[in-house]
């Protein structure tokens, strides 16, 4: 199977169009997948024009609307079976909101468009991190970490590791919420009261303190770590593998990946953008599309 991947341009004021242009020109990527650039009106996209026409100072609302519309069009293609997966260039969350999309980011937008529960996974050759909660303020996190949430994210993580990465029996750890996993309740009781029983019920190891669990995973003890909130997980993966990490959305009926960085408005159009993470996102999406198709055929499950 040769995968066909929709590639969205992201916020057109940023480096997304440059990254897409570089991917389309890369022979190694063309050898593993057919890339279909998608803009706000569909697949008829002049990437060169998009690269040169927009500037960082252009209206955020127009750019956010264009970026969101491109994701909608690409999702429609994937749901119709016209492409096997999505690779999305970075968008600006404030611009997305100004453009009429209330979704906090790609993950939530794709969940709404497909009607699927999703989980955000950051993956590299050294570490895989899945977020139990995504774009929430820190003060909201303890209340959001319910046993049902942990169970749902654990199920999505396990399925994603099987379907995307071919790991037959995933070993998954849960990162603690509080320092030293609460230290017997001295620094908060959520780890003992909520996370520990939820981990046992979901078949997870832990919860383990954040200052050791990611190191243990990088040494091969776990295939993935579920992080309780955005920044503890994102910091771990970016320190370990910045520029090589890939954002994966588990739970969708197709693979979706993106690079591990933002729009970089400050360097857009200057030829300084490093496409390494975007190229990695294309490779992971292509490999996941092939792996998922094989898994579906083997399991007899519907596509």
Protein backbone atom coordinates (compact mmCIF):
# COMPACT_ATOMS: atom_id res chain seq x y z
CA UNK A 1 0.00 0.00 0.00
CA UNK A 2 1.24 3.48 -0.91
CA UNK A 3 -0.38 5.99 1.43
CA UNK A 4 -1.91 9.23 0.22
CA UNK A 5 -1.65 12.00 2.80
CA UNK A 6 -3.46 15.33 2.96
CA UNK A 7 -1.03 18.05 4.06
CA UNK A 8 -2.58 21.25 5.41
CA UNK A 9 -0.76 24.58 5.18
CA UNK A 10 -1.47 25.71 8.74
CA UNK A 11 -1.48 29.41 9.58
CA UNK A 12 -0.47 31.00 6.27
CA UNK A 13 1.39 33.81 8.05
CA UNK A 14 3.77 31.32 9.65
CA UNK A 15 6.25 28.76 8.42
CA UNK A 16 3.63 26.15 7.50
CA UNK A 17 3.57 26.87 3.76
CA UNK A 18 7.39 26.75 3.69
CA UNK A 19 7.38 23.38 5.42
CA UNK A 20 4.82 21.99 2.99
CA UNK A 21 6.79 23.30 0.05
CA UNK A 22 9.96 21.65 1.38
CA UNK A 23 8.13 18.34 1.91
CA UNK A 24 6.73 18.37 -1.62
CA UNK A 25 10.25 18.89 -2.97
CA UNK A 26 11.88 16.14 -0.89
CA UNK A 27 12.56 12.99 -2.87
CA UNK A 28 12.76 10.71 0.16
CA UNK A 29 9.26 11.75 1.29
CA UNK A 30 7.85 11.43 -2.21
CA UNK A 31 9.18 7.88 -2.27
CA UNK A 32 7.07 6.80 0.71
CA UNK A 33 3.80 8.69 0.17
CA UNK A 34 1.74 10.83 -2.17
CA UNK A 35 1.33 14.28 -0.59
CA UNK A 36 -1.80 16.31 -1.31
CA UNK A 37 -1.53 19.96 -0.20
CA UNK A 38 -4.83 21.23 1.19
CA UNK A 39 -5.84 24.84 1.68
CA UNK A 40 -9.06 26.51 2.85
CA UNK A 41 -10.89 25.71 -0.38
CA UNK A 42 -9.61 22.18 -0.86
CA UNK A 43 -6.79 20.58 -2.80
CA UNK A 44 -6.33 23.22 -5.50
CA UNK A 45 -3.52 24.97 -3.65
CA UNK A 46 -0.64 27.04 -4.97
CA UNK A 47 1.79 26.56 -2.11
CA UNK A 48 4.26 29.02 -3.60
CA UNK A 49 1.57 31.69 -3.68
CA UNK A 50 0.56 30.95 -0.10
CA UNK A 51 4.20 31.19 0.96
CA UNK A 52 4.66 34.61 -0.58
CA UNK A 53 1.26 36.27 -0.23
CA UNK A 54 0.81 36.23 3.55
CA UNK A 55 2.90 38.19 6.04
CA UNK A 56 3.17 37.79 9.85
CA UNK A 57 1.40 41.11 10.36
CA UNK A 58 -1.67 40.18 8.32
CA UNK A 59 -5.04 39.95 10.03
CA UNK A 60 -5.13 37.07 12.53
CA UNK A 61 -8.82 36.35 11.96
CA UNK A 62 -8.38 35.79 8.22
CA UNK A 63 -5.36 33.58 8.78
CA UNK A 64 -7.10 31.59 11.51
CA UNK A 65 -10.15 31.05 9.35
CA UNK A 66 -7.97 29.87 6.44
CA UNK A 67 -6.07 27.45 8.68
CA UNK A 68 -9.25 26.04 10.24
CA UNK A 69 -11.01 25.70 6.91
CA UNK A 70 -8.07 23.73 5.52
CA UNK A 71 -8.33 21.23 8.39
CA UNK A 72 -12.06 20.86 7.70
CA UNK A 73 -11.40 20.18 4.00
CA UNK A 74 -8.64 17.68 4.76
CA UNK A 75 -10.83 15.87 7.28
CA UNK A 76 -13.59 15.60 4.71
CA UNK A 77 -11.12 13.98 2.31
CA UNK A 78 -9.99 11.49 4.95
CA UNK A 79 -13.53 10.61 6.04
CA UNK A 80 -14.45 10.01 2.40
CA UNK A 81 -11.45 7.71 1.92
CA UNK A 82 -9.78 10.01 -0.61
CA UNK A 83 -6.65 10.16 1.57
CA UNK A 84 -5.27 7.76 4.17
CA UNK A 85 -4.16 10.34 6.73
CA UNK A 86 -3.43 13.97 7.59
CA UNK A 87 -0.24 15.91 8.26
CA UNK A 88 -1.06 19.36 9.61
CA UNK A 89 1.26 22.36 9.63
CA UNK A 90 1.11 24.53 12.77
CA UNK A 91 -1.77 26.91 13.41
CA UNK A 92 -2.07 29.81 15.82
CA UNK A 93 -4.69 29.12 18.51
CA UNK A 94 -5.58 32.77 19.08
CA UNK A 95 -5.96 33.31 15.33
CA UNK A 96 -8.07 30.16 15.08
CA UNK A 97 -10.44 31.59 17.69
CA UNK A 98 -10.50 34.98 15.99
CA UNK A 99 -11.34 33.21 12.73
CA UNK A 100 -14.50 31.68 14.17
CA UNK A 101 -13.28 28.33 15.51
CA UNK A 102 -13.84 27.89 19.25
CA UNK A 103 -11.77 24.68 19.33
CA UNK A 104 -8.57 25.18 21.38
CA UNK A 105 -6.41 23.43 18.78
CA UNK A 106 -6.06 20.74 16.14
CA UNK A 107 -6.79 17.85 18.50
CA UNK A 108 -10.12 19.24 19.70
CA UNK A 109 -11.12 20.40 16.21
CA UNK A 110 -10.48 16.97 14.72
CA UNK A 111 -12.37 15.28 17.57
CA UNK A 112 -15.39 17.49 16.86
CA UNK A 113 -15.24 17.00 13.10
CA UNK A 114 -15.05 13.20 13.36
CA UNK A 115 -17.17 12.68 16.46
CA UNK A 116 -14.38 10.62 18.02
CA UNK A 117 -12.73 10.67 21.42
CA UNK A 118 -9.07 11.49 20.94
CA UNK A 119 -5.78 11.62 22.82
CA UNK A 120 -2.70 13.71 22.02
CA UNK A 121 0.51 11.69 21.77
CA UNK A 122 3.97 13.21 21.30
CA UNK A 123 6.33 10.61 19.86
CA UNK A 124 10.00 10.44 18.98
CA UNK A 125 12.68 7.80 18.68
CA UNK A 126 13.40 8.25 22.41
CA UNK A 127 10.05 8.77 24.11
CA UNK A 128 6.26 8.68 23.70
CA UNK A 129 4.08 10.88 25.88
CA UNK A 130 0.26 10.98 25.88
CA UNK A 131 -1.63 13.84 27.54
CA UNK A 132 -4.50 13.00 29.90
CA UNK A 133 -5.62 16.64 29.73
CA UNK A 134 -4.64 19.05 26.97
CA UNK A 135 -5.39 22.76 26.76
CA UNK A 136 -6.57 23.55 30.30
CA UNK A 137 -5.38 25.98 32.90
CA UNK A 138 -3.33 24.33 35.63
CA UNK A 139 -5.93 25.09 38.29
CA UNK A 140 -8.51 23.03 36.35
CA UNK A 141 -6.36 19.92 36.01
CA UNK A 142 -6.97 18.13 39.36
CA UNK A 143 -10.74 18.16 38.89
CA UNK A 144 -10.38 17.01 35.27
CA UNK A 145 -8.31 13.93 36.19
CA UNK A 146 -11.19 11.58 36.89
CA UNK A 147 -10.96 7.77 36.78
CA UNK A 148 -13.11 7.81 33.63
CA UNK A 149 -10.72 10.22 31.90
CA UNK A 150 -7.70 8.12 32.81
CA UNK A 151 -9.43 4.94 31.65
CA UNK A 152 -10.41 6.52 28.33
CA UNK A 153 -6.93 7.90 27.64
CA UNK A 154 -5.37 4.57 28.61
CA UNK A 155 -7.60 2.75 26.12
CA UNK A 156 -6.80 5.23 23.34
CA UNK A 157 -3.08 5.00 24.12
CA UNK A 158 -3.08 1.22 24.09
CA UNK A 159 -4.98 1.09 20.79
CA UNK A 160 -2.73 3.73 19.25
CA UNK A 161 0.45 1.92 20.20
CA UNK A 162 -0.91 -1.29 18.70
CA UNK A 163 -2.31 0.22 15.50
CA UNK A 164 0.29 2.90 14.78
CA UNK A 165 3.49 1.38 16.10
CA UNK A 166 2.81 -2.36 16.03
CA UNK A 167 3.45 -2.87 19.75
CA UNK A 168 1.47 -6.00 20.58
CA UNK A 169 1.45 -5.63 24.38
CA UNK A 170 2.12 -1.99 25.28
CA UNK A 171 3.73 -1.13 28.61
CA UNK A 172 2.22 2.18 29.74
CA UNK A 173 3.07 4.24 32.83
CA UNK A 174 1.04 7.02 34.46
CA UNK A 175 2.90 10.14 35.54
CA UNK A 176 1.92 11.52 38.94
CA UNK A 177 0.24 14.87 39.36
CA UNK A 178 2.01 16.14 42.48
CA UNK A 179 5.70 16.37 43.47
CA UNK A 180 7.01 12.96 44.56
CA UNK A 181 3.57 11.51 43.72
CA UNK A 182 2.20 13.39 46.73
CA UNK A 183 4.71 11.87 49.17
CA UNK A 184 2.02 10.02 51.12
CA UNK A 185 -0.41 12.94 50.92
CA UNK A 186 1.98 15.60 52.16
CA UNK A 187 1.93 17.41 48.78
CA UNK A 188 -1.62 16.53 47.75
CA UNK A 189 -3.72 13.39 47.94
CA UNK A 190 -4.85 13.11 44.31
CA UNK A 191 -2.18 10.54 43.40
CA UNK A 192 -3.17 8.16 46.19
CA UNK A 193 -6.89 8.88 46.14
CA UNK A 194 -7.59 9.09 42.38
CA UNK A 195 -4.64 8.25 40.15
CA UNK A 196 -3.37 5.07 41.83
CA UNK A 197 -6.71 3.18 41.77
CA UNK A 198 -7.46 4.51 38.28
CA UNK A 199 -4.07 3.25 37.05
CA UNK A 200 -4.68 -0.22 38.51
CA UNK A 201 -8.12 -0.40 36.93
CA UNK A 202 -6.76 0.67 33.53
CA UNK A 203 -3.78 -1.68 33.57
CA UNK A 204 -1.21 1.12 33.91
CA UNK A 205 1.98 1.19 35.96
CA UNK A 206 2.26 4.01 38.49
CA UNK A 207 1.60 6.77 39.16
CA UNK A 208 5.31 7.55 39.25
CA UNK A 209 6.89 10.94 39.97
CA UNK A 210 7.47 13.15 36.95
CA UNK A 211 11.17 13.55 37.70
CA UNK A 212 11.85 9.83 37.12
CA UNK A 213 9.11 8.28 34.98
CA UNK A 214 10.18 9.85 31.69
CA UNK A 215 13.78 8.77 32.24
CA UNK A 216 12.59 5.22 32.90
CA UNK A 217 10.62 5.29 29.65
CA UNK A 218 13.62 6.58 27.69
CA UNK A 219 15.64 3.67 29.08
CA UNK A 220 13.11 1.22 27.66
CA UNK A 221 11.01 0.32 30.68
CA UNK A 222 7.77 1.73 29.20
CA UNK A 223 6.45 2.17 25.66
CA UNK A 224 4.59 5.36 26.61
CA UNK A 225 3.90 7.63 29.57
CA UNK A 226 0.51 9.24 30.19
CA UNK A 227 1.11 12.75 31.55
CA UNK A 228 -1.54 14.40 33.74
CA UNK A 229 -1.34 17.83 32.13
CA UNK A 230 -0.02 19.62 29.07
CA UNK A 231 3.23 21.21 30.16
CA UNK A 232 4.74 18.33 32.12
CA UNK A 233 4.30 16.04 29.11
CA UNK A 234 5.26 18.58 26.46
CA UNK A 235 8.37 19.67 28.36
CA UNK A 236 9.56 16.08 28.70
CA UNK A 237 9.23 15.25 25.01
CA UNK A 238 10.66 18.55 23.79
CA UNK A 239 13.69 18.40 26.05
CA UNK A 240 14.27 14.80 24.98
CA UNK A 241 13.69 15.20 21.25
CA UNK A 242 12.96 18.74 20.07
CA UNK A 243 12.99 18.89 16.28
CA UNK A 244 12.43 15.13 16.00
CA UNK A 245 9.16 14.84 17.90
CA UNK A 246 5.83 14.27 16.21
CA UNK A 247 2.37 15.14 17.49
CA UNK A 248 0.02 12.18 16.87
CA UNK A 249 -3.74 12.15 17.43
CA UNK A 250 -4.89 8.76 18.68
CA UNK A 251 -8.55 7.78 18.32
CA UNK A 252 -9.33 9.17 14.87
CA UNK A 253 -10.42 6.85 12.03
CA UNK A 254 -7.21 7.85 10.21
CA UNK A 255 -3.67 8.83 11.28
CA UNK A 256 -3.01 12.52 11.90
CA UNK A 257 0.39 13.98 12.73
CA UNK A 258 2.02 17.40 13.00
CA UNK A 259 5.44 18.79 13.95
CA UNK A 260 6.43 19.46 17.54
CA UNK A 261 6.62 23.25 17.18
CA UNK A 262 4.43 26.26 16.48
CA UNK A 263 3.92 28.76 13.67
CA UNK A 264 7.22 30.63 14.19
CA UNK A 265 5.81 33.92 12.93
CA UNK A 266 9.09 35.61 13.80
CA UNK A 267 11.05 33.73 11.10
CA UNK A 268 8.33 33.15 8.49
CA UNK A 269 9.41 33.88 4.93
CA UNK A 270 13.09 34.21 5.84
CA UNK A 271 14.26 30.77 4.76
CA UNK A 272 15.21 29.86 8.34
CA UNK A 273 12.55 27.25 9.06
CA UNK A 274 13.88 23.79 9.96
CA UNK A 275 11.64 21.17 8.32
CA UNK A 276 13.01 18.22 10.32
CA UNK A 277 10.01 17.75 12.60
CA UNK A 278 7.56 18.24 9.73
CA UNK A 279 9.42 15.64 7.67
CA UNK A 280 9.28 13.28 10.66
CA UNK A 281 5.53 13.91 10.89
CA UNK A 282 5.12 12.87 7.25
CA UNK A 283 7.14 9.70 7.81
CA UNK A 284 5.19 8.73 10.93
CA UNK A 285 1.84 9.37 9.21
CA UNK A 286 2.87 7.28 6.21
CA UNK A 287 4.08 4.41 8.39
CA UNK A 288 0.97 4.62 10.58
CA UNK A 289 -1.34 4.57 7.56
CA UNK A 290 0.30 1.39 6.31
CA UNK A 291 0.34 -0.20 9.80
CA UNK A 292 -3.27 0.72 10.47
CA UNK A 293 -4.42 -0.73 7.13
CA UNK A 294 -2.61 -3.98 7.93
CA UNK A 295 -4.11 -4.04 11.44
CA UNK A 296 -7.63 -3.48 10.09
CA UNK A 297 -7.19 -6.25 7.52
CA UNK A 298 -5.83 -8.62 10.16
CA UNK A 299 -8.54 -7.89 12.72
CA UNK A 300 -11.43 -7.80 10.28
CA UNK A 301 -12.52 -4.50 11.81
CA UNK A 302 -14.22 -1.85 9.66
CA UNK A 303 -12.02 0.86 8.20
